[in-house]
Amino acid sequence: MKVYFKSFFSAFTKGYATEKELSLPEGTTIADVLTEFGMDPEGDIIMLVNGRPLNERTVLADNDKLTIMPPVSAA
């Protein structure tokens, strides 16, 4: 299945959003994707699938759009 992945973590993106099309097996979770990129699925990460906040146990579906970003805070 295809999943569209967008990351706003500057450690991976050099300050820019990174977008990738991933080819994943059926049954892949958000945690699986985060682990593949060397991230802790239980860390402080905002996870959106198709614009909706979900958790790391969410099973992804074909053509989902997974967006991850660090928590945002105001000073």
PDB file of N, CA and C in Angstrom:
ATOM      1  N   MET A   1       0.835  -1.182   0.000  1.00  0.00           N
ATOM      2  CA  MET A   1       0.000   0.000   0.000  1.00  0.00           C
ATOM      3  C   MET A   1       0.875   1.238   0.000  1.00  0.00           C
ATOM      4  N   LYS A   2       0.334   2.345  -0.475  1.00  0.00           N
ATOM      5  CA  LYS A   2       1.051   3.617  -0.481  1.00  0.00           C
ATOM      6  C   LYS A   2       0.561   4.485   0.664  1.00  0.00           C
ATOM      7  N   VAL A   3       1.511   5.104   1.351  1.00  0.00           N
ATOM      8  CA  VAL A   3       1.206   6.082   2.393  1.00  0.00           C
ATOM      9  C   VAL A   3       2.070   7.302   2.107  1.00  0.00           C
ATOM     10  N   TYR A   4       1.475   8.459   2.205  1.00  0.00           N
ATOM     11  CA  TYR A   4       2.199   9.707   1.988  1.00  0.00           C
ATOM     12  C   TYR A   4       2.632  10.237   3.351  1.00  0.00           C
ATOM     13  N   PHE A   5       3.929  10.441   3.518  1.00  0.00           N
ATOM     14  CA  PHE A   5       4.535  10.772   4.804  1.00  0.00           C
ATOM     15  C   PHE A   5       5.106  12.173   4.746  1.00  0.00           C
ATOM     16  N   LYS A   6       4.781  12.978   5.760  1.00  0.00           N
ATOM     17  CA  LYS A   6       5.317  14.332   5.852  1.00  0.00           C
ATOM     18  C   LYS A   6       5.835  14.539   7.263  1.00  0.00           C
ATOM     19  N   SER A   7       7.081  15.011   7.375  1.00  0.00           N
ATOM     20  CA  SER A   7       7.700  15.238   8.672  1.00  0.00           C
ATOM     21  C   SER A   7       8.129  16.691   8.802  1.00  0.00           C
ATOM     22  N   PHE A   8       7.860  17.258   9.960  1.00  0.00           N
ATOM     23  CA  PHE A   8       8.303  18.611  10.266  1.00  0.00           C
ATOM     24  C   PHE A   8       9.404  18.604  11.326  1.00  0.00           C
ATOM     25  N   PHE A   9      10.080  17.469  11.525  1.00  0.00           N
ATOM     26  CA  PHE A   9      11.184  17.384  12.483  1.00  0.00           C
ATOM     27  C   PHE A   9      12.455  17.869  11.805  1.00  0.00           C
ATOM     28  N   SER A  10      13.001  18.968  12.281  1.00  0.00           N
ATOM     29  CA  SER A  10      14.164  19.562  11.627  1.00  0.00           C
ATOM     30  C   SER A  10      15.396  18.674  11.683  1.00  0.00           C
ATOM     31  N   ALA A  11      15.469  17.754  12.634  1.00  0.00           N
ATOM     32  CA  ALA A  11      16.616  16.844  12.685  1.00  0.00           C
ATOM     33  C   ALA A  11      16.679  15.982  11.428  1.00  0.00           C
ATOM     34  N   PHE A  12      15.519  15.695  10.847  1.00  0.00           N
ATOM     35  CA  PHE A  12      15.478  14.882   9.638  1.00  0.00           C
ATOM     36  C   PHE A  12      15.375  15.727   8.376  1.00  0.00           C
ATOM     37  N   THR A  13      14.945  16.977   8.519  1.00  0.00           N
ATOM     38  CA  THR A  13      14.569  17.752   7.348  1.00  0.00           C
ATOM     39  C   THR A  13      15.402  18.997   7.114  1.00  0.00           C
ATOM     40  N   LYS A  14      16.391  19.245   7.954  1.00  0.00           N
ATOM     41  CA  LYS A  14      17.239  20.437   7.836  1.00  0.00           C
ATOM     42  C   LYS A  14      16.409  21.721   7.842  1.00  0.00           C
ATOM     43  N   GLY A  15      15.356  21.728   8.650  1.00  0.00           N
ATOM     44  CA  GLY A  15      14.535  22.923   8.784  1.00  0.00           C
ATOM     45  C   GLY A  15      13.359  23.002   7.827  1.00  0.00           C
ATOM     46  N   TYR A  16      13.252  22.064   6.915  1.00  0.00           N
ATOM     47  CA  TYR A  16      12.168  22.077   5.940  1.00  0.00           C
ATOM     48  C   TYR A  16      11.306  20.830   6.110  1.00  0.00           C
ATOM     49  N   ALA A  17      10.067  20.936   5.694  1.00  0.00           N
ATOM     50  CA  ALA A  17       9.198  19.760   5.720  1.00  0.00           C
ATOM     51  C   ALA A  17       9.700  18.757   4.689  1.00  0.00           C
ATOM     52  N   THR A  18       9.669  17.492   5.057  1.00  0.00           N
ATOM     53  CA  THR A  18      10.052  16.423   4.141  1.00  0.00           C
ATOM     54  C   THR A  18       8.815  15.624   3.792  1.00  0.00           C
ATOM     55  N   GLU A  19       8.636  15.376   2.523  1.00  0.00           N
ATOM     56  CA  GLU A  19       7.510  14.573   2.071  1.00  0.00           C
ATOM     57  C   GLU A  19       8.039  13.380   1.294  1.00  0.00           C
ATOM     58  N   LYS A  20       7.478  12.201   1.597  1.00  0.00           N
ATOM     59  CA  LYS A  20       7.894  10.979   0.909  1.00  0.00           C
ATOM     60  C   LYS A  20       6.673  10.116   0.659  1.00  0.00           C
ATOM     61  N   GLU A  21       6.727   9.377  -0.409  1.00  0.00           N
ATOM     62  CA  GLU A  21       5.722   8.353  -0.654  1.00  0.00           C
ATOM     63  C   GLU A  21       6.329   7.035  -0.206  1.00  0.00           C
ATOM     64  N   LEU A  22       5.672   6.367   0.733  1.00  0.00           N
ATOM     65  CA  LEU A  22       6.180   5.118   1.277  1.00  0.00           C
ATOM     66  C   LEU A  22       5.370   3.945   0.731  1.00  0.00           C
ATOM     67  N   SER A  23       6.050   2.870   0.450  1.00  0.00           N
ATOM     68  CA  SER A  23       5.386   1.626   0.066  1.00  0.00           C
ATOM     69  C   SER A  23       5.481   0.700   1.273  1.00  0.00           C
ATOM     70  N   LEU A  24       4.334   0.396   1.883  1.00  0.00           N
ATOM     71  CA  LEU A  24       4.307  -0.339   3.143  1.00  0.00           C
ATOM     72  C   LEU A  24       3.412  -1.565   3.040  1.00  0.00           C
ATOM     73  N   PRO A  25       3.698  -2.598   3.833  1.00  0.00           N
ATOM     74  CA  PRO A  25       2.809  -3.761   3.852  1.00  0.00           C
ATOM     75  C   PRO A  25       1.505  -3.450   4.590  1.00  0.00           C
ATOM     76  N   GLU A  26       0.454  -4.160   4.234  1.00  0.00           N
ATOM     77  CA  GLU A  26      -0.825  -4.024   4.930  1.00  0.00           C
ATOM     78  C   GLU A  26      -0.603  -4.284   6.427  1.00  0.00           C
ATOM     79  N   GLY A  27      -1.322  -3.571   7.271  1.00  0.00           N
ATOM     80  CA  GLY A  27      -1.211  -3.771   8.713  1.00  0.00           C
ATOM     81  C   GLY A  27      -0.156  -2.913   9.386  1.00  0.00           C
ATOM     82  N   THR A  28       0.548  -2.075   8.614  1.00  0.00           N
ATOM     83  CA  THR A  28       1.574  -1.209   9.185  1.00  0.00           C
ATOM     84  C   THR A  28       0.933  -0.148  10.072  1.00  0.00           C
ATOM     85  N   THR A  29       1.524   0.073  11.246  1.00  0.00           N
ATOM     86  CA  THR A  29       1.029   1.093  12.168  1.00  0.00           C
ATOM     87  C   THR A  29       1.904   2.345  12.092  1.00  0.00           C
ATOM     88  N   ILE A  30       1.405   3.413  12.700  1.00  0.00           N
ATOM     89  CA  ILE A  30       2.215   4.627  12.802  1.00  0.00           C
ATOM     90  C   ILE A  30       3.506   4.319  13.549  1.00  0.00           C
ATOM     91  N   ALA A  31       3.427   3.507  14.606  1.00  0.00           N
ATOM     92  CA  ALA A  31       4.623   3.133  15.377  1.00  0.00           C
ATOM     93  C   ALA A  31       5.656   2.454  14.486  1.00  0.00           C
ATOM     94  N   ASP A  32       5.214   1.604  13.570  1.00  0.00           N
ATOM     95  CA  ASP A  32       6.146   0.931  12.662  1.00  0.00           C
ATOM     96  C   ASP A  32       6.901   1.950  11.811  1.00  0.00           C
ATOM     97  N   VAL A  33       6.186   2.942  11.294  1.00  0.00           N
ATOM     98  CA  VAL A  33       6.822   3.972  10.454  1.00  0.00           C
ATOM     99  C   VAL A  33       7.810   4.787  11.271  1.00  0.00           C
ATOM    100  N   LEU A  34       7.392   5.213  12.470  1.00  0.00           N
ATOM    101  CA  LEU A  34       8.293   6.007  13.317  1.00  0.00           C
ATOM    102  C   LEU A  34       9.548   5.227  13.685  1.00  0.00           C
ATOM    103  N   THR A  35       9.392   3.969  14.022  1.00  0.00           N
ATOM    104  CA  THR A  35      10.540   3.123  14.357  1.00  0.00           C
ATOM    105  C   THR A  35      11.491   3.004  13.174  1.00  0.00           C
ATOM    106  N   GLU A  36      10.930   2.861  11.981  1.00  0.00           N
ATOM    107  CA  GLU A  36      11.750   2.765  10.759  1.00  0.00           C
ATOM    108  C   GLU A  36      12.611   4.014  10.571  1.00  0.00           C
ATOM    109  N   PHE A  37      12.100   5.164  11.003  1.00  0.00           N
ATOM    110  CA  PHE A  37      12.846   6.420  10.883  1.00  0.00           C
ATOM    111  C   PHE A  37      13.672   6.726  12.131  1.00  0.00           C
ATOM    112  N   GLY A  38      13.779   5.756  13.051  1.00  0.00           N
ATOM    113  CA  GLY A  38      14.618   5.922  14.231  1.00  0.00           C
ATOM    114  C   GLY A  38      14.010   6.784  15.317  1.00  0.00           C
ATOM    115  N   MET A  39      12.696   6.893  15.319  1.00  0.00           N
ATOM    116  CA  MET A  39      12.025   7.723  16.317  1.00  0.00           C
ATOM    117  C   MET A  39      11.317   6.841  17.345  1.00  0.00           C
ATOM    118  N   ASP A  40      11.183   7.348  18.552  1.00  0.00           N
ATOM    119  CA  ASP A  40      10.465   6.640  19.614  1.00  0.00           C
ATOM    120  C   ASP A  40       8.969   6.892  19.433  1.00  0.00           C
ATOM    121  N   PRO A  41       8.186   5.860  19.098  1.00  0.00           N
ATOM    122  CA  PRO A  41       6.753   6.060  18.871  1.00  0.00           C
ATOM    123  C   PRO A  41       5.994   6.593  20.082  1.00  0.00           C
ATOM    124  N   GLU A  42       6.584   6.438  21.275  1.00  0.00           N
ATOM    125  CA  GLU A  42       5.917   6.928  22.481  1.00  0.00           C
ATOM    126  C   GLU A  42       6.484   8.262  22.941  1.00  0.00           C
ATOM    127  N   GLY A  43       7.337   8.867  22.115  1.00  0.00           N
ATOM    128  CA  GLY A  43       7.909  10.167  22.447  1.00  0.00           C
ATOM    129  C   GLY A  43       6.911  11.287  22.221  1.00  0.00           C
ATOM    130  N   ASP A  44       7.354  12.511  22.410  1.00  0.00           N
ATOM    131  CA  ASP A  44       6.500  13.683  22.207  1.00  0.00           C
ATOM    132  C   ASP A  44       6.408  13.988  20.723  1.00  0.00           C
ATOM    133  N   ILE A  45       5.411  13.402  20.086  1.00  0.00           N
ATOM    134  CA  ILE A  45       5.220  13.548  18.646  1.00  0.00           C
ATOM    135  C   ILE A  45       3.732  13.762  18.390  1.00  0.00           C
ATOM    136  N   ILE A  46       3.425  14.774  17.613  1.00  0.00           N
ATOM    137  CA  ILE A  46       2.049  14.945  17.146  1.00  0.00           C
ATOM    138  C   ILE A  46       1.916  14.125  15.880  1.00  0.00           C
ATOM    139  N   MET A  47       0.914  13.250  15.847  1.00  0.00           N
ATOM    140  CA  MET A  47       0.692  12.350  14.715  1.00  0.00           C
ATOM    141  C   MET A  47      -0.682  12.618  14.125  1.00  0.00           C
ATOM    142  N   LEU A  48      -0.719  12.933  12.855  1.00  0.00           N
ATOM    143  CA  LEU A  48      -1.979  13.162  12.160  1.00  0.00           C
ATOM    144  C   LEU A  48      -2.090  12.191  10.997  1.00  0.00           C
ATOM    145  N   VAL A  49      -3.257  11.605  10.830  1.00  0.00           N
ATOM    146  CA  VAL A  49      -3.533  10.789   9.647  1.00  0.00           C
ATOM    147  C   VAL A  49      -4.726  11.432   8.962  1.00  0.00           C
ATOM    148  N   ASN A  50      -4.493  11.865   7.743  1.00  0.00           N
ATOM    149  CA  ASN A  50      -5.530  12.562   6.972  1.00  0.00           C
ATOM    150  C   ASN A  50      -6.088  13.755   7.750  1.00  0.00           C
ATOM    151  N   GLY A  51      -5.173  14.440   8.477  1.00  0.00           N
ATOM    152  CA  GLY A  51      -5.535  15.646   9.203  1.00  0.00           C
ATOM    153  C   GLY A  51      -6.161  15.424  10.566  1.00  0.00           C
ATOM    154  N   ARG A  52      -6.316  14.173  10.994  1.00  0.00           N
ATOM    155  CA  ARG A  52      -6.924  13.866  12.294  1.00  0.00           C
ATOM    156  C   ARG A  52      -5.860  13.369  13.268  1.00  0.00           C
ATOM    157  N   PRO A  53      -5.847  13.878  14.495  1.00  0.00           N
ATOM    158  CA  PRO A  53      -4.877  13.385  15.471  1.00  0.00           C
ATOM    159  C   PRO A  53      -5.209  11.954  15.888  1.00  0.00           C
ATOM    160  N   LEU A  54      -4.212  11.084  15.810  1.00  0.00           N
ATOM    161  CA  LEU A  54      -4.368   9.680  16.177  1.00  0.00           C
ATOM    162  C   LEU A  54      -3.146   9.245  16.963  1.00  0.00           C
ATOM    163  N   ASN A  55      -3.145   8.009  17.464  1.00  0.00           N
ATOM    164  CA  ASN A  55      -2.002   7.541  18.249  1.00  0.00           C
ATOM    165  C   ASN A  55      -1.163   6.541  17.459  1.00  0.00           C
ATOM    166  N   GLU A  56      -0.061   6.141  18.069  1.00  0.00           N
ATOM    167  CA  GLU A  56       0.926   5.291  17.392  1.00  0.00           C
ATOM    168  C   GLU A  56       0.409   3.892  17.070  1.00  0.00           C
ATOM    169  N   ARG A  57      -0.671   3.470  17.679  1.00  0.00           N
ATOM    170  CA  ARG A  57      -1.221   2.128  17.408  1.00  0.00           C
ATOM    171  C   ARG A  57      -2.143   2.095  16.184  1.00  0.00           C
ATOM    172  N   THR A  58      -2.392   3.254  15.593  1.00  0.00           N
ATOM    173  CA  THR A  58      -3.286   3.339  14.441  1.00  0.00           C
ATOM    174  C   THR A  58      -2.707   2.567  13.261  1.00  0.00           C
ATOM    175  N   VAL A  59      -3.534   1.702  12.671  1.00  0.00           N
ATOM    176  CA  VAL A  59      -3.142   0.958  11.470  1.00  0.00           C
ATOM    177  C   VAL A  59      -3.416   1.847  10.268  1.00  0.00           C
ATOM    178  N   LEU A  60      -2.412   2.005   9.427  1.00  0.00           N
ATOM    179  CA  LEU A  60      -2.533   2.853   8.249  1.00  0.00           C
ATOM    180  C   LEU A  60      -3.230   2.113   7.106  1.00  0.00           C
ATOM    181  N   ALA A  61      -3.871   2.876   6.235  1.00  0.00           N
ATOM    182  CA  ALA A  61      -4.572   2.320   5.082  1.00  0.00           C
ATOM    183  C   ALA A  61      -3.988   2.918   3.800  1.00  0.00           C
ATOM    184  N   ASP A  62      -4.254   2.265   2.696  1.00  0.00           N
ATOM    185  CA  ASP A  62      -3.772   2.734   1.401  1.00  0.00           C
ATOM    186  C   ASP A  62      -4.191   4.181   1.167  1.00  0.00           C
ATOM    187  N   ASN A  63      -3.244   4.985   0.712  1.00  0.00           N
ATOM    188  CA  ASN A  63      -3.427   6.405   0.387  1.00  0.00           C
ATOM    189  C   ASN A  63      -3.605   7.315   1.596  1.00  0.00           C
ATOM    190  N   ASP A  64      -3.334   6.821   2.814  1.00  0.00           N
ATOM    191  CA  ASP A  64      -3.356   7.694   3.983  1.00  0.00           C
ATOM    192  C   ASP A  64      -2.252   8.731   3.868  1.00  0.00           C
ATOM    193  N   LYS A  65      -2.475   9.871   4.519  1.00  0.00           N
ATOM    194  CA  LYS A  65      -1.459  10.919   4.615  1.00  0.00           C
ATOM    195  C   LYS A  65      -1.057  11.024   6.086  1.00  0.00           C
ATOM    196  N   LEU A  66       0.154  10.584   6.397  1.00  0.00           N
ATOM    197  CA  LEU A  66       0.683  10.612   7.756  1.00  0.00           C
ATOM    198  C   LEU A  66       1.582  11.827   7.909  1.00  0.00           C
ATOM    199  N   THR A  67       1.251  12.683   8.870  1.00  0.00           N
ATOM    200  CA  THR A  67       2.047  13.862   9.160  1.00  0.00           C
ATOM    201  C   THR A  67       2.517  13.765  10.599  1.00  0.00           C
ATOM    202  N   ILE A  68       3.815  14.000  10.818  1.00  0.00           N
ATOM    203  CA  ILE A  68       4.356  14.027  12.174  1.00  0.00           C
ATOM    204  C   ILE A  68       5.060  15.351  12.403  1.00  0.00           C
ATOM    205  N   MET A  69       4.981  15.821  13.647  1.00  0.00           N
ATOM    206  CA  MET A  69       5.632  17.080  13.999  1.00  0.00           C
ATOM    207  C   MET A  69       5.888  17.122  15.495  1.00  0.00           C
ATOM    208  N   PRO A  70       6.842  17.938  15.898  1.00  0.00           N
ATOM    209  CA  PRO A  70       7.079  18.086  17.337  1.00  0.00           C
ATOM    210  C   PRO A  70       5.945  18.895  17.952  1.00  0.00           C
ATOM    211  N   PRO A  71       5.752  18.753  19.271  1.00  0.00           N
ATOM    212  CA  PRO A  71       4.746  19.575  19.946  1.00  0.00           C
ATOM    213  C   PRO A  71       5.085  21.056  19.770  1.00  0.00           C
ATOM    214  N   VAL A  72       4.069  21.857  19.730  1.00  0.00           N
ATOM    215  CA  VAL A  72       4.237  23.303  19.542  1.00  0.00           C
ATOM    216  C   VAL A  72       3.860  23.992  20.851  1.00  0.00           C
ATOM    217  N   SER A  73       4.689  24.940  21.254  1.00  0.00           N
ATOM    218  CA  SER A  73       4.362  25.705  22.456  1.00  0.00           C
ATOM    219  C   SER A  73       4.628  27.179  22.198  1.00  0.00           C
ATOM    220  N   ALA A  74       3.901  28.004  22.884  1.00  0.00           N
ATOM    221  CA  ALA A  74       4.077  29.457  22.754  1.00  0.00           C
ATOM    222  C   ALA A  74       4.915  29.950  23.928  1.00  0.00           C
ATOM    223  N   ALA A  75       5.737  30.922  23.661  1.00  0.00           N
ATOM    224  CA  ALA A  75       6.581  31.477  24.716  1.00  0.00           C
ATOM    225  C   ALA A  75       5.875  32.559  25.467  1.00  0.00           C
TER     226      ALA A  75
END
